[in-house]
Protein backbone atom coordinates (compact mmCIF):
# COMPACT_ATOMS: atom_id res chain seq x y z
CA MET A 1 35.41 -31.92 -73.81
CA SER A 2 33.07 -29.04 -74.64
CA ASP A 3 32.56 -26.01 -72.41
CA SER A 4 29.00 -27.14 -71.71
CA SER A 5 30.24 -30.55 -70.54
CA VAL A 6 32.74 -28.91 -68.18
CA SER A 7 29.98 -26.66 -66.83
CA ASP A 8 27.66 -29.61 -66.25
CA SER A 9 30.46 -31.53 -64.49
CA ASN A 10 31.18 -28.62 -62.15
CA GLN A 11 27.51 -28.23 -61.28
CA SER A 12 27.13 -31.92 -60.39
CA ARG A 13 30.37 -32.17 -58.41
CA ILE A 14 30.09 -32.95 -54.68
CA SER A 15 32.67 -31.09 -52.61
CA VAL A 16 35.01 -33.04 -50.35
CA ALA A 17 33.96 -32.87 -46.69
CA LYS A 18 37.12 -32.31 -44.70
CA THR A 19 38.05 -34.22 -41.56
CA TYR A 20 41.03 -32.53 -39.97
CA LYS A 21 43.60 -34.08 -37.64
CA LEU A 22 45.62 -33.01 -34.61
CA TYR A 23 49.11 -31.53 -34.76
CA ILE A 24 51.50 -33.28 -32.36
CA GLY A 25 55.27 -33.52 -32.60
CA GLY A 26 55.35 -32.10 -36.11
CA LYS A 27 52.92 -34.76 -37.40
CA PHE A 28 49.18 -34.96 -38.02
CA PRO A 29 47.76 -37.96 -36.13
CA ARG A 30 44.12 -38.79 -35.66
CA SER A 31 42.79 -38.66 -32.12
CA GLU A 32 43.54 -41.93 -30.35
CA SER A 33 39.89 -41.98 -29.31
CA GLY A 34 38.73 -41.90 -32.92
CA ARG A 35 36.30 -39.10 -32.05
CA VAL A 36 35.45 -36.22 -34.39
CA TYR A 37 32.93 -33.40 -34.12
CA PRO A 38 31.26 -31.18 -36.73
CA VAL A 39 32.34 -27.55 -37.07
CA THR A 40 29.66 -25.11 -38.17
CA ASP A 41 29.46 -21.40 -38.91
CA PRO A 42 27.43 -19.04 -36.65
CA LYS A 43 24.30 -19.85 -38.69
CA GLY A 44 24.72 -23.59 -38.27
CA ALA A 45 26.02 -24.42 -41.74
CA PHE A 46 28.51 -27.29 -41.85
CA LEU A 47 32.15 -26.31 -42.44
CA ALA A 48 34.27 -29.37 -41.62
CA ASN A 49 34.89 -32.23 -39.21
CA ALA A 50 37.56 -31.72 -36.54
CA ALA A 51 39.36 -34.29 -34.42
CA HIS A 52 38.11 -34.41 -30.82
CA ALA A 53 41.31 -34.67 -28.77
CA SER A 54 41.42 -36.87 -25.67
CA ARG A 55 43.43 -37.01 -22.46
CA LYS A 56 45.88 -39.40 -24.17
CA ASP A 57 46.37 -36.94 -27.03
CA ALA A 58 47.13 -34.18 -24.51
CA ARG A 59 49.70 -36.40 -22.79
CA ASP A 60 51.33 -37.20 -26.15
CA ALA A 61 51.50 -33.49 -26.95
CA VAL A 62 53.19 -32.75 -23.60
CA VAL A 63 55.76 -35.48 -24.27
CA ALA A 64 56.47 -33.95 -27.69
CA ALA A 65 56.75 -30.44 -26.23
CA ARG A 66 59.14 -31.58 -23.50
CA LYS A 67 61.31 -33.44 -26.02
CA ALA A 68 61.53 -30.32 -28.21
CA PHE A 69 62.20 -27.90 -25.35
CA GLY A 70 65.96 -28.50 -25.08
CA GLY A 71 66.66 -27.76 -28.71
CA TRP A 72 64.31 -24.77 -28.94
CA SER A 73 65.40 -23.10 -25.71
CA GLY A 74 69.04 -23.85 -26.53
CA ALA A 75 68.89 -22.21 -29.96
CA THR A 76 70.20 -18.67 -30.24
CA ALA A 77 67.64 -15.92 -29.79
CA TYR A 78 68.50 -14.67 -33.27
CA ASN A 79 67.76 -18.09 -34.76
CA ARG A 80 64.41 -18.32 -32.97
CA GLY A 81 63.54 -14.91 -34.38
CA GLN A 82 64.37 -16.08 -37.90
CA VAL A 83 62.18 -19.17 -37.49
CA LEU A 84 59.25 -17.16 -36.18
CA TYR A 85 59.62 -14.62 -38.97
CA ARG A 86 59.53 -17.46 -41.48
CA ILE A 87 56.18 -18.50 -40.00
CA ALA A 88 54.90 -14.96 -40.62
CA GLU A 89 56.04 -15.25 -44.24
CA VAL A 90 54.05 -18.45 -44.71
CA LEU A 91 51.07 -16.88 -42.95
CA GLU A 92 51.23 -14.02 -45.44
CA GLY A 93 51.27 -16.50 -48.33
CA ARG A 94 48.05 -18.12 -47.08
CA ARG A 95 46.38 -14.83 -46.22
CA GLY A 96 43.41 -15.50 -48.50
CA GLN A 97 42.65 -18.86 -46.90
CA PHE A 98 42.89 -17.44 -43.39
CA THR A 99 40.58 -14.58 -44.36
CA ALA A 100 37.97 -17.00 -45.69
CA GLU A 101 38.17 -19.21 -42.59
CA VAL A 102 38.00 -16.33 -40.12
CA ALA A 103 35.03 -14.89 -41.99
CA ALA A 104 33.22 -18.23 -42.00
CA SER A 105 34.13 -19.15 -38.41
CA GLU A 106 33.28 -15.80 -36.82
CA GLY A 107 30.48 -14.71 -39.18
CA LEU A 108 32.32 -11.56 -40.27
CA PRO A 109 32.35 -9.57 -43.51
CA ASP A 110 35.39 -10.29 -45.68
CA ARG A 111 36.87 -6.83 -45.14
CA GLN A 112 36.73 -7.15 -41.33
CA ALA A 113 38.13 -10.70 -41.44
CA GLU A 114 40.96 -9.50 -43.69
CA SER A 115 41.84 -6.78 -41.19
CA LEU A 116 41.99 -9.33 -38.36
CA VAL A 117 44.23 -11.62 -40.40
CA ASP A 118 46.57 -8.74 -41.24
CA THR A 119 46.76 -7.82 -37.56
CA ALA A 120 47.51 -11.46 -36.64
CA ILE A 121 50.39 -11.59 -39.13
CA ASP A 122 51.76 -8.28 -37.88
CA ARG A 123 51.41 -9.53 -34.30
CA TRP A 124 53.50 -12.60 -35.13
CA VAL A 125 56.20 -10.39 -36.68
CA TRP A 126 56.16 -8.18 -33.57
CA TYR A 127 56.88 -11.09 -31.25
CA ALA A 128 59.48 -12.50 -33.66
CA GLY A 129 61.35 -9.22 -33.39
CA TRP A 130 61.57 -9.49 -29.61
CA THR A 131 63.44 -12.81 -29.40
CA ASP A 132 66.92 -11.26 -29.39
CA LYS A 133 65.96 -8.22 -27.32
CA ILE A 134 64.37 -9.92 -24.31
CA ALA A 135 67.65 -10.48 -22.43
CA ALA A 136 68.79 -6.89 -22.92
CA VAL A 137 65.49 -5.39 -21.79
CA LEU A 138 64.45 -7.79 -19.02
CA GLY A 139 67.92 -8.84 -17.80
CA SER A 140 70.23 -6.75 -15.62
CA ALA A 141 73.74 -6.30 -14.26
CA ASN A 142 73.33 -6.09 -10.48
CA PRO A 143 75.37 -3.75 -8.26
CA VAL A 144 77.08 -5.80 -5.55
CA SER A 145 79.55 -5.09 -2.78
CA GLY A 146 82.50 -7.39 -3.37
CA PRO A 147 84.84 -8.72 -6.06
CA TYR A 148 82.05 -10.24 -8.14
CA PHE A 149 80.02 -9.74 -11.27
CA SER A 150 76.31 -10.41 -10.72
CA PHE A 151 73.97 -10.82 -13.65
CA THR A 152 70.27 -11.63 -13.85
CA VAL A 153 69.21 -13.25 -17.11
CA PRO A 154 65.74 -14.36 -18.25
CA GLU A 155 65.31 -18.02 -19.16
CA PRO A 156 62.31 -19.84 -20.69
CA THR A 157 59.97 -21.47 -18.21
CA GLY A 158 59.49 -24.79 -20.07
CA VAL A 159 56.33 -26.43 -21.42
CA VAL A 160 53.26 -24.18 -21.45
CA GLY A 161 49.66 -25.36 -21.71
CA VAL A 162 47.56 -22.80 -23.61
CA LEU A 163 43.76 -22.77 -23.72
CA ALA A 164 43.22 -20.52 -26.73
CA PRO A 165 40.49 -17.85 -26.82
CA GLN A 166 37.09 -19.18 -27.79
CA GLU A 167 35.88 -16.14 -29.74
CA SER A 168 38.94 -14.83 -31.61
CA SER A 169 39.85 -17.78 -33.81
CA LEU A 170 43.14 -16.48 -35.24
CA LEU A 171 44.23 -13.13 -33.79
CA GLY A 172 43.54 -14.29 -30.22
CA LEU A 173 45.32 -17.59 -30.90
CA VAL A 174 48.40 -15.84 -32.28
CA SER A 175 48.38 -13.40 -29.35
CA VAL A 176 48.62 -16.24 -26.81
CA LEU A 177 50.90 -18.62 -28.74
CA ALA A 178 53.55 -16.34 -30.25
CA PRO A 179 54.88 -15.00 -26.90
CA VAL A 180 55.33 -18.56 -25.59
CA LEU A 181 57.50 -19.48 -28.56
CA ALA A 182 59.36 -16.15 -28.59
CA THR A 183 60.68 -16.75 -25.06
CA GLY A 184 62.05 -20.18 -25.95
CA SER A 185 59.29 -22.18 -24.26
CA THR A 186 57.27 -24.88 -26.04
CA ALA A 187 53.49 -25.09 -26.19
CA VAL A 188 50.52 -27.43 -26.10
CA VAL A 189 47.53 -25.49 -27.40
CA VAL A 190 43.85 -26.36 -27.16
CA SER A 191 42.14 -24.40 -29.92
CA SER A 192 38.75 -22.73 -29.85
CA ALA A 193 36.21 -25.56 -29.79
CA GLY A 194 33.62 -23.85 -31.98
CA ARG A 195 36.04 -21.99 -34.26
CA PRO A 196 39.03 -24.30 -34.81
CA LEU A 197 39.60 -23.96 -38.56
CA PRO A 198 42.14 -21.09 -38.44
CA ALA A 199 44.06 -22.99 -35.74
CA ILE A 200 44.14 -26.10 -37.93
CA THR A 201 45.43 -24.08 -40.88
CA LEU A 202 48.00 -22.47 -38.57
CA SER A 203 49.24 -25.96 -37.69
CA GLU A 204 49.77 -26.59 -41.42
CA VAL A 205 51.76 -23.36 -41.58
CA LEU A 206 53.91 -24.46 -38.63
CA ALA A 207 54.53 -27.84 -40.26
CA THR A 208 55.73 -26.24 -43.51
CA SER A 209 57.94 -23.60 -41.91
CA ASP A 210 61.25 -24.04 -40.09
CA LEU A 211 59.72 -24.63 -36.64
CA PRO A 212 61.05 -27.92 -35.19
CA GLY A 213 58.42 -30.58 -34.54
CA GLY A 214 57.03 -30.54 -31.01
CA VAL A 215 57.75 -26.87 -30.31
CA ALA A 216 54.08 -26.05 -30.89
CA ASN A 217 51.36 -28.72 -30.67
CA ILE A 218 47.75 -27.92 -31.52
CA LEU A 219 44.78 -29.94 -30.27
CA THR A 220 41.19 -29.44 -31.36
CA GLY A 221 38.64 -30.22 -28.70
CA HIS A 222 37.14 -28.73 -25.56
CA ALA A 223 39.04 -26.68 -22.99
CA ALA A 224 36.71 -27.94 -20.26
CA GLU A 225 37.79 -31.53 -20.99
CA LEU A 226 41.51 -31.06 -21.72
CA GLY A 227 42.29 -28.11 -19.42
CA PRO A 228 42.25 -30.07 -16.13
CA TRP A 229 44.70 -32.66 -17.50
CA LEU A 230 47.13 -29.95 -18.57
CA ALA A 231 46.69 -28.15 -15.24
CA SER A 232 47.52 -31.27 -13.22
CA HIS A 233 50.25 -32.64 -15.51
CA GLY A 234 53.60 -32.69 -13.72
CA ASP A 235 55.59 -31.94 -16.88
CA VAL A 236 53.67 -28.75 -17.74
CA ASN A 237 55.36 -25.70 -16.21
CA ALA A 238 52.79 -22.98 -16.87
CA LEU A 239 49.15 -22.68 -17.89
CA ASP A 240 47.29 -19.97 -19.79
CA PRO A 241 43.57 -20.50 -19.04
CA THR A 242 42.26 -17.78 -21.40
CA GLY A 243 39.90 -20.14 -23.22
CA ALA A 244 38.36 -21.61 -20.06
CA SER A 245 35.18 -20.29 -18.47
CA PRO A 246 35.58 -18.09 -15.36
CA ALA A 247 34.24 -20.88 -13.17
CA ASP A 248 36.61 -23.45 -14.68
CA ARG A 249 39.62 -21.18 -14.16
CA VAL A 250 39.21 -21.47 -10.40
CA GLU A 251 39.36 -25.26 -10.58
CA LEU A 252 42.27 -25.14 -13.03
CA ALA A 253 44.26 -22.99 -10.58
CA ARG A 254 43.49 -25.50 -7.82
CA GLU A 255 44.67 -28.39 -10.00
CA ALA A 256 47.81 -26.50 -11.00
CA ALA A 257 48.73 -25.85 -7.37
CA GLY A 258 49.43 -29.56 -6.94
CA THR A 259 52.46 -29.26 -9.22
CA VAL A 260 53.29 -25.65 -8.29
CA LYS A 261 52.95 -24.44 -11.87
CA ARG A 262 52.46 -20.85 -12.91
CA VAL A 263 48.89 -19.93 -13.91
CA LEU A 264 48.39 -16.72 -15.82
CA THR A 265 45.80 -14.25 -14.59
CA VAL A 266 43.54 -13.46 -17.54
CA PRO A 267 40.66 -10.98 -17.88
CA ASP A 268 37.02 -11.86 -18.37
CA PRO A 269 35.54 -11.43 -20.89
CA GLU A 270 38.19 -11.83 -23.57
CA PRO A 271 40.37 -8.75 -24.04
CA ASP A 272 40.41 -6.62 -27.17
CA TRP A 273 42.98 -8.60 -29.17
CA THR A 274 43.36 -5.75 -31.66
CA ALA A 275 44.90 -3.56 -28.93
CA ARG A 276 48.63 -2.91 -29.18
CA PRO A 277 50.60 -5.69 -27.41
CA ASP A 278 53.14 -5.14 -24.64
CA LEU A 279 55.76 -7.20 -22.83
CA SER A 280 53.43 -8.63 -20.18
CA ARG A 281 52.95 -12.03 -21.84
CA LEU A 282 56.66 -12.35 -22.58
CA ARG A 283 57.46 -11.70 -18.91
CA ARG A 284 55.08 -14.43 -17.76
CA TYR A 285 56.97 -17.17 -19.57
CA LEU A 286 60.41 -16.26 -18.24
CA GLU A 287 62.26 -17.25 -15.09
CA ALA A 288 64.97 -15.00 -13.62
CA LYS A 289 68.38 -16.66 -13.21
CA THR A 290 71.03 -14.77 -11.22
CA VAL A 291 74.68 -15.64 -11.83
CA TRP A 292 77.68 -14.62 -9.66
CA HIS A 293 81.18 -14.67 -11.09
CA PRO A 294 84.41 -13.61 -9.37
CA LEU A 295 86.42 -10.76 -10.81
CA GLY A 296 89.78 -11.67 -12.31
CA VAL A 297 92.96 -10.62 -10.56
C-alpha cells in the first residue's frame, strides 16, 4: 500500500466512540439499568459514553466491598503498602493518558494537567507509605494501675461510601480514595458525574494491579441519586459526602443516622487538593480497639 493510500485511509477513518462500564468486584459490568450518559468537555464537545449506575449497582458494589473487607483488612500492613505502591507504578506508566483525560475533562492546559497528575501519583505513594506506620503513630500503650498491659490499636472501620469531588477529576479522587484503602477499609466510590474519565481509567489501573477485586469499586453516575442509598445502607460503615451539594449533605447525614454510620465533615467549596496532606483522613477511617492482657508471673 502506498503512503498516499495510508494517508487517505487515516483521513477517512471514523474514531471509535467509547462506552465505558462500571467497576464492581474486580469486573467491568454494564449498569443493570442499561442506562448511559454522554460525557463532554467544558466546551460541550463529546468525549465518551459512561454507564449511569443505579441503586442496584450500588448495592452490588457494597456486597463486593463487604466480601473483600476480611481479606484486605486481615492482610499485613506491609503487604497493603506494597499493593498500593504497585498501583502508583501503574499510574506512572499511564501518566500520558491521565494527563490527556484530565486536560480534556477539566479544560486545562497540558502542562497544568500534567502537574495535577504528578501530584496525584505522589499522593498515592504518600498514603501507601503510611500503611505500616499507622499503628505506631496512632496506637498507644496505656498506663494502668494493676498487673495488666493495656494497648490501644487502630482498626479499619469497614466499608466506606465515597462521593468523589465533582471538580477535581483525578487528584481529588485519589485524595479521598487512597486513605480509605491505606487503613484497610474497602470502598464504594461514586465518581464525578461530569468528569468521570480519569476515574474510569483509574479503575482499569486497579484491575491490572495487585489490588484484590472488591476492595475498591467505582461507579459512574450522580451523587444526588446514589448518595442516599449509600447513606442508608446498613452494611456501609462510613460515608464521605465530599461530592454532594451542601444541601444534600444535610439529608445524607440524616439518612446515615438511621444506621449510626460515621459521616465525614467536609468543607465547602472543595478544598485545595494540591495542599500537602495530613493524617486527618486516615484517622477518620479507623476505630480504636483497647486490649487488656494480664502480666505473666
